[in-house]
Amino acid sequence: MRSTKLSTVNNISTTYAGEFAGNYINAAILSANTLANNGVTVRPNVKFKEVVKTLSTSNLIQDATCDFDDSGIVTLAEKVLVVSEKQVNLQLCKTPFQSDWDAAQMGYSAFDVMPSKFSDFFIGKILKDVALATENYLWNLTTGFPAILKADGATLVTPTTIDSTNVIAEMRKMVTACPSALYGKEDLKLYVSQKIAKDYIAALGGFATNIGANGMNAQGTTWYNGGTALSFDGVPVFVANGLSGNSGNAMVLTSVDNLFFGTGLLDDQNLVKLIDMADIDGSKNVRFVMRWTQGLQVGFGTDSVVYSA
């Protein structure tokens, strides 16, 4: 007869807070695809507001004279990066999970590696979901980077429905619209949705009219193994998982140092707690509390191209 040890497996008595909480939030927020792969500039330890300085110049070169002629134009401006508090509050009863978790511990799990404690599994699941939500927050077409850039003067490319037959033409429109001062910049990237990345890979595999039926290196659909870095017309292609709006027909062309994500990752405002309520109110409930801060800002909207009407 199988022995159950519910008090060992499901007793969640540890409270995570303080510095350790920062580590958990760091794992959640920075495991968002764009942040984890250095797709934007992260500004940590933002308490509430942080000023992002911008500098532009014009009319610098003049005919030489014997005198000092202060005739160039230097424009200093600033953007304010504001972070707001976010939270996750959850409560669940341990009872429905006890039998399932105990069965998983006995070897019936679909996972290759199962955490020894339910608390570890639960925290990991929530952090994964927060990371996904953060990625979507970055690239939301109405409130994220595309919208902020568009409102700040980005060059717009009229969108259409993209598939493997026209994806190259549409991506070329983005690069063609790239400001001349921006093209060739070391950290310039063409941010695309997963859908467009798949269409581009399919096109290079022989599904575009100007590629040929045998595709890249005559390898057809087997040319891409997932480890090859994608690029287009000299611009690195960055697959931003959060660019899922407009049915995945979404792209942004700009540089990494033009996109700012502010957060209090190392700040004492961060909080993660997993509280077993048994010793507090006698219930079988577990409460999960997570608090952090986040915000977005851009440098120059004019230094970007957005695939948007």
Protein backbone atom coordinates (compact mmCIF):
# COMPACT_ATOMS: atom_id res chain seq x y z
CA MET A 1 0.00 0.00 0.00
CA ARG A 2 1.44 3.36 -1.00
CA SER A 3 2.31 5.60 1.90
CA THR A 4 1.40 9.26 1.57
CA LYS A 5 3.42 11.98 3.27
CA LEU A 6 1.30 15.02 2.65
CA SER A 7 2.85 17.02 5.45
CA THR A 8 6.29 16.57 3.87
CA VAL A 9 5.37 17.12 0.26
CA ASN A 10 2.82 19.89 0.60
CA ASN A 11 3.68 21.72 3.78
CA ILE A 12 4.53 25.21 2.48
CA SER A 13 6.01 27.02 5.44
CA THR A 14 8.76 29.12 3.87
CA THR A 15 8.30 32.85 3.35
CA TYR A 16 10.39 34.45 0.61
CA ALA A 17 10.98 38.18 0.99
CA GLY A 18 13.65 40.87 1.09
CA GLU A 19 16.83 40.27 -0.89
CA PHE A 20 15.77 36.77 -1.88
CA ALA A 21 12.54 38.21 -3.20
CA GLY A 22 14.58 40.37 -5.52
CA ASN A 23 16.23 37.25 -6.90
CA TYR A 24 12.88 35.64 -7.60
CA ILE A 25 11.51 38.77 -9.27
CA ASN A 26 14.73 39.08 -11.23
CA ALA A 27 14.21 35.55 -12.48
CA ALA A 28 10.62 36.27 -13.45
CA ILE A 29 11.01 39.66 -15.09
CA LEU A 30 14.33 39.13 -16.84
CA SER A 31 13.35 35.71 -18.16
CA ALA A 32 10.99 37.52 -20.51
CA ASN A 33 12.39 36.74 -23.97
CA THR A 34 13.29 40.30 -24.96
CA LEU A 35 14.88 41.18 -21.63
CA ALA A 36 16.73 37.88 -21.27
CA ASN A 37 18.32 38.30 -24.71
CA ASN A 38 19.34 41.95 -24.23
CA GLY A 39 16.80 43.23 -26.71
CA VAL A 40 16.25 46.49 -24.80
CA THR A 41 18.13 48.66 -22.30
CA VAL A 42 17.25 47.72 -18.71
CA ARG A 43 17.35 50.49 -16.10
CA PRO A 44 17.22 48.83 -12.65
CA ASN A 45 16.69 50.42 -9.25
CA VAL A 46 14.19 53.01 -10.48
CA LYS A 47 12.32 54.11 -7.36
CA PHE A 48 9.55 56.05 -9.08
CA LYS A 49 10.92 58.21 -11.89
CA GLU A 50 14.18 58.39 -13.79
CA VAL A 51 15.21 60.97 -16.37
CA VAL A 52 16.46 59.60 -19.69
CA LYS A 53 18.70 62.25 -21.26
CA THR A 54 18.65 62.69 -25.05
CA LEU A 55 21.12 64.68 -27.14
CA SER A 56 21.01 65.62 -30.81
CA THR A 57 23.26 67.85 -32.92
CA SER A 58 23.03 69.69 -36.22
CA ASN A 59 24.92 72.26 -38.30
CA LEU A 60 28.22 71.17 -36.78
CA ILE A 61 30.64 71.74 -39.67
CA GLN A 62 31.42 75.33 -40.71
CA ASP A 63 34.02 76.98 -42.92
CA ALA A 64 37.18 77.48 -40.90
CA THR A 65 38.16 80.92 -39.61
CA CYS A 66 40.85 82.26 -37.29
CA ASP A 67 38.29 82.74 -34.54
CA PHE A 68 36.27 80.43 -32.35
CA ASP A 69 32.79 80.37 -33.84
CA ASP A 70 30.22 78.71 -31.64
CA SER A 71 27.74 78.03 -34.40
CA GLY A 72 26.80 74.36 -34.06
CA ILE A 73 23.46 73.35 -32.60
CA VAL A 74 23.26 70.98 -29.65
CA THR A 75 19.79 70.04 -28.47
CA LEU A 76 19.48 68.57 -25.00
CA ALA A 77 16.18 67.06 -23.99
CA GLU A 78 14.89 64.47 -21.60
CA LYS A 79 12.28 61.78 -21.30
CA VAL A 80 10.90 60.65 -17.97
CA LEU A 81 10.84 56.92 -17.29
CA VAL A 82 8.04 56.30 -14.80
CA VAL A 83 7.59 52.94 -13.13
CA SER A 84 4.35 51.80 -11.53
CA GLU A 85 3.70 49.12 -8.95
CA LYS A 86 2.46 45.72 -10.07
CA GLN A 87 1.30 42.77 -8.03
CA VAL A 88 0.23 39.14 -8.15
CA ASN A 89 -2.12 37.97 -5.36
CA LEU A 90 -3.26 34.36 -5.40
CA GLN A 91 -4.88 31.99 -2.96
CA LEU A 92 -5.37 28.27 -3.44
CA CYS A 93 -6.33 25.30 -1.32
CA LYS A 94 -3.69 22.59 -0.95
CA THR A 95 -6.18 19.70 -0.88
CA PRO A 96 -6.77 19.31 -4.67
CA PHE A 97 -3.03 19.20 -5.30
CA GLN A 98 -2.05 16.68 -2.65
CA SER A 99 -2.97 13.47 -4.44
CA ASP A 100 -1.72 14.69 -7.81
CA TRP A 101 1.56 15.88 -6.40
CA ASP A 102 2.12 12.70 -4.46
CA ALA A 103 1.48 10.68 -7.64
CA ALA A 104 3.99 12.80 -9.50
CA GLN A 105 6.58 12.10 -6.81
CA MET A 106 5.98 8.37 -7.34
CA GLY A 107 7.12 8.62 -10.96
CA TYR A 108 3.98 9.35 -12.97
CA SER A 109 5.06 12.88 -13.88
CA ALA A 110 5.47 14.06 -17.45
CA PHE A 111 8.28 16.32 -16.28
CA ASP A 112 11.88 15.16 -16.63
CA VAL A 113 12.85 16.81 -13.38
CA MET A 114 10.25 17.36 -10.70
CA PRO A 115 10.98 19.74 -7.82
CA SER A 116 11.02 18.00 -4.47
CA LYS A 117 8.55 20.49 -2.98
CA PHE A 118 5.23 21.69 -4.27
CA SER A 119 6.24 25.20 -3.17
CA ASP A 120 9.17 25.19 -5.61
CA PHE A 121 6.96 24.00 -8.44
CA PHE A 122 4.29 26.59 -7.67
CA ILE A 123 6.74 29.49 -7.48
CA GLY A 124 8.38 28.40 -10.71
CA LYS A 125 5.04 28.24 -12.50
CA ILE A 126 4.02 31.74 -11.36
CA LEU A 127 7.40 33.21 -12.32
CA LYS A 128 7.11 31.69 -15.78
CA ASP A 129 3.66 33.20 -16.25
CA VAL A 130 4.85 36.61 -15.03
CA ALA A 131 7.72 36.47 -17.52
CA LEU A 132 5.28 35.80 -20.34
CA ALA A 133 3.04 38.67 -19.22
CA THR A 134 6.06 40.98 -19.05
CA GLU A 135 7.08 40.08 -22.60
CA ASN A 136 3.57 40.90 -23.83
CA TYR A 137 3.66 44.15 -21.83
CA LEU A 138 6.83 45.27 -23.64
CA TRP A 139 5.42 44.83 -27.14
CA ASN A 140 1.70 45.53 -26.71
CA LEU A 141 0.68 47.43 -29.85
CA THR A 142 -1.47 49.95 -27.96
CA THR A 143 0.52 50.53 -24.77
CA GLY A 144 4.00 49.05 -25.30
CA PHE A 145 7.07 50.09 -27.27
CA PRO A 146 5.33 50.16 -30.70
CA ALA A 147 2.71 52.62 -29.44
CA ILE A 148 5.24 54.81 -27.60
CA LEU A 149 7.53 55.01 -30.64
CA LYS A 150 4.59 55.74 -32.92
CA ALA A 151 3.39 58.59 -30.68
CA ASP A 152 6.94 59.99 -30.61
CA GLY A 153 7.30 60.35 -34.37
CA ALA A 154 8.32 56.93 -35.69
CA THR A 155 8.27 56.33 -39.42
CA LEU A 156 5.26 54.16 -40.21
CA VAL A 157 5.02 51.34 -42.73
CA THR A 158 1.46 50.39 -43.65
CA PRO A 159 0.84 46.79 -42.55
CA THR A 160 -0.71 43.98 -44.53
CA THR A 161 -1.28 40.27 -43.98
CA ILE A 162 2.10 38.57 -44.18
CA ASP A 163 2.90 35.03 -45.28
CA SER A 164 5.92 33.25 -46.72
CA THR A 165 5.31 34.65 -50.21
CA ASN A 166 5.46 38.34 -49.28
CA VAL A 167 7.40 38.44 -46.01
CA ILE A 168 10.68 39.41 -47.69
CA ALA A 169 9.04 42.32 -49.50
CA GLU A 170 7.43 43.55 -46.26
CA MET A 171 10.64 43.25 -44.26
CA ARG A 172 12.44 45.17 -47.00
CA LYS A 173 9.95 48.01 -46.60
CA MET A 174 11.05 48.31 -42.97
CA VAL A 175 14.75 48.46 -43.84
CA THR A 176 14.12 50.84 -46.73
CA ALA A 177 12.32 53.20 -44.36
CA CYS A 178 15.19 53.08 -41.84
CA PRO A 179 16.67 56.57 -41.24
CA SER A 180 20.09 56.85 -42.86
CA ALA A 181 21.75 57.82 -39.56
CA LEU A 182 20.37 54.68 -37.95
CA TYR A 183 21.25 52.13 -40.63
CA GLY A 184 24.51 50.38 -39.83
CA LYS A 185 24.30 51.16 -36.10
CA GLU A 186 25.85 48.34 -34.13
CA ASP A 187 22.81 47.62 -31.97
CA LEU A 188 20.20 48.17 -34.69
CA LYS A 189 17.65 45.35 -34.79
CA LEU A 190 14.57 44.40 -36.75
CA TYR A 191 12.17 43.14 -34.08
CA VAL A 192 9.63 40.71 -35.53
CA SER A 193 6.86 38.49 -34.22
CA GLN A 194 7.20 34.72 -34.06
CA LYS A 195 4.79 34.50 -36.98
CA ILE A 196 6.93 36.71 -39.22
CA ALA A 197 10.07 34.84 -38.17
CA LYS A 198 8.42 31.57 -39.20
CA ASP A 199 7.30 33.07 -42.50
CA TYR A 200 10.82 34.38 -43.16
CA ILE A 201 12.39 31.00 -42.40
CA ALA A 202 9.84 29.32 -44.70
CA ALA A 203 10.55 31.88 -47.43
CA LEU A 204 14.29 31.16 -47.27
CA GLY A 205 13.44 27.48 -47.41
CA GLY A 206 12.05 27.88 -50.90
CA PHE A 207 8.56 29.29 -50.41
CA ALA A 208 9.32 32.77 -51.74
CA THR A 209 9.14 33.40 -55.47
CA ASN A 210 12.61 34.97 -55.60
CA ILE A 211 14.41 32.29 -53.59
CA GLY A 212 13.96 29.18 -55.70
CA ALA A 213 12.37 25.87 -54.84
CA ASN A 214 15.54 24.51 -53.21
CA GLY A 215 15.85 27.39 -50.76
CA MET A 216 18.96 28.50 -48.88
CA ASN A 217 22.07 26.53 -49.82
CA ALA A 218 19.79 24.15 -51.73
CA GLN A 219 18.64 22.67 -48.41
CA GLY A 220 14.96 23.43 -48.75
CA THR A 221 13.00 23.44 -45.50
CA THR A 222 15.90 21.82 -43.61
CA TRP A 223 18.21 24.86 -43.96
CA TYR A 224 17.35 26.33 -40.54
CA ASN A 225 18.29 24.41 -37.40
CA GLY A 226 17.27 27.00 -34.85
CA GLY A 227 20.82 27.93 -33.92
CA THR A 228 21.49 30.21 -36.86
CA ALA A 229 21.15 33.91 -36.16
CA LEU A 230 18.68 35.50 -38.55
CA SER A 231 19.44 38.74 -40.38
CA PHE A 232 17.88 40.74 -43.17
CA ASP A 233 19.69 43.14 -45.50
CA GLY A 234 22.48 43.55 -42.97
CA VAL A 235 20.17 44.05 -39.98
CA PRO A 236 19.99 41.40 -37.20
CA VAL A 237 16.50 39.96 -36.80
CA PHE A 238 15.30 39.77 -33.18
CA VAL A 239 12.32 37.50 -32.53
CA ALA A 240 10.24 39.35 -29.91
CA ASN A 241 7.70 36.86 -28.60
CA GLY A 242 5.48 39.65 -27.28
CA LEU A 243 4.88 41.07 -30.76
CA SER A 244 1.73 39.05 -31.23
CA GLY A 245 -0.82 41.79 -31.93
CA ASN A 246 -2.40 42.41 -35.34
CA SER A 247 -2.49 38.63 -35.88
CA GLY A 248 1.29 38.53 -35.61
CA ASN A 249 1.82 40.98 -38.48
CA ALA A 250 3.98 43.25 -36.34
CA MET A 251 7.53 44.63 -36.67
CA VAL A 252 9.66 47.37 -35.14
CA LEU A 253 13.03 48.62 -36.41
CA THR A 254 15.18 50.52 -33.93
CA SER A 255 18.29 50.21 -31.76
CA VAL A 256 18.60 48.55 -28.37
CA ASP A 257 19.77 51.78 -26.73
CA ASN A 258 16.57 53.52 -27.87
CA LEU A 259 14.27 51.27 -25.80
CA PHE A 260 14.22 51.53 -22.01
CA PHE A 261 12.66 49.16 -19.50
CA GLY A 262 12.70 50.50 -15.95
CA THR A 263 12.17 48.37 -12.88
CA GLY A 264 13.03 48.16 -9.21
CA LEU A 265 14.62 44.71 -9.50
CA LEU A 266 17.22 45.43 -6.85
CA ASP A 267 14.95 47.74 -4.92
CA ASP A 268 13.46 47.14 -1.50
CA GLN A 269 9.96 47.65 -2.95
CA ASN A 270 10.17 44.14 -4.41
CA LEU A 271 8.33 41.45 -2.54
CA VAL A 272 7.68 37.73 -3.00
CA LYS A 273 5.94 35.71 -0.31
CA LEU A 274 4.47 32.24 -0.27
CA ILE A 275 2.49 31.87 2.94
CA ASP A 276 0.93 28.71 4.33
CA MET A 277 -2.17 29.95 6.18
CA ALA A 278 -2.50 26.81 8.34
CA ASP A 279 -0.71 28.34 11.32
CA ILE A 280 -2.53 31.66 10.87
CA ASP A 281 -6.19 30.77 10.44
CA GLY A 282 -6.22 26.98 10.49
CA SER A 283 -7.17 26.71 6.82
CA LYS A 284 -5.52 24.67 4.07
CA ASN A 285 -5.05 27.76 1.94
CA VAL A 286 -1.78 29.03 0.55
CA ARG A 287 -1.31 32.67 -0.43
CA PHE A 288 1.15 33.91 -3.01
CA VAL A 289 2.09 37.60 -2.93
CA MET A 290 4.38 39.27 -5.45
CA ARG A 291 5.04 43.00 -5.90
CA TRP A 292 7.43 44.85 -8.19
CA THR A 293 7.67 47.96 -10.37
CA GLN A 294 8.03 48.40 -14.12
CA GLY A 295 7.76 51.07 -16.82
CA LEU A 296 8.72 51.85 -20.43
CA GLN A 297 10.26 54.80 -22.26
CA VAL A 298 12.02 55.49 -25.57
CA GLY A 299 14.80 57.86 -26.55
CA PHE A 300 13.85 59.09 -30.03
CA GLY A 301 10.71 57.93 -31.77
CA THR A 302 12.17 59.35 -34.98
CA ASP A 303 14.96 56.77 -34.75
CA SER A 304 12.55 53.94 -35.42
CA VAL A 305 10.24 52.36 -37.95
CA VAL A 306 6.97 50.77 -36.85
CA TYR A 307 4.87 48.41 -38.96
CA SER A 308 1.61 50.20 -38.24
CA ALA A 309 -1.08 52.27 -39.93
